Amino acid sequence: MNRIVIYTADIMVLTDKSESYARKEIQNLKKVLNKEKHQKVTIKEYCQYYGFNIDEVLSVLSKKSLKKAD
């Protein structure tokens, strides 16, 4: 996995929550990080804010992308 941006679908997989919940998390993060509307939230920023281990998150997300490829 070579991307750095976290998306709604990623948060849904990581938290097992709804799409609307995931969108709200991204909106809240942008507000806390003082990002403008057009700016993206990175996987690293997401992990730092929520205290997640980035290697574990990347592992889960890479498994998700492997399932999509099947």
Foldseek 3Di string as FASTA:
>chain_A
DPDFFDDLVLVCQVPVDDSVVSVVVQVVLCVVVVHDPPDTDTLVSVCVVVVHDSVVSVVSVVVVVVVVVD
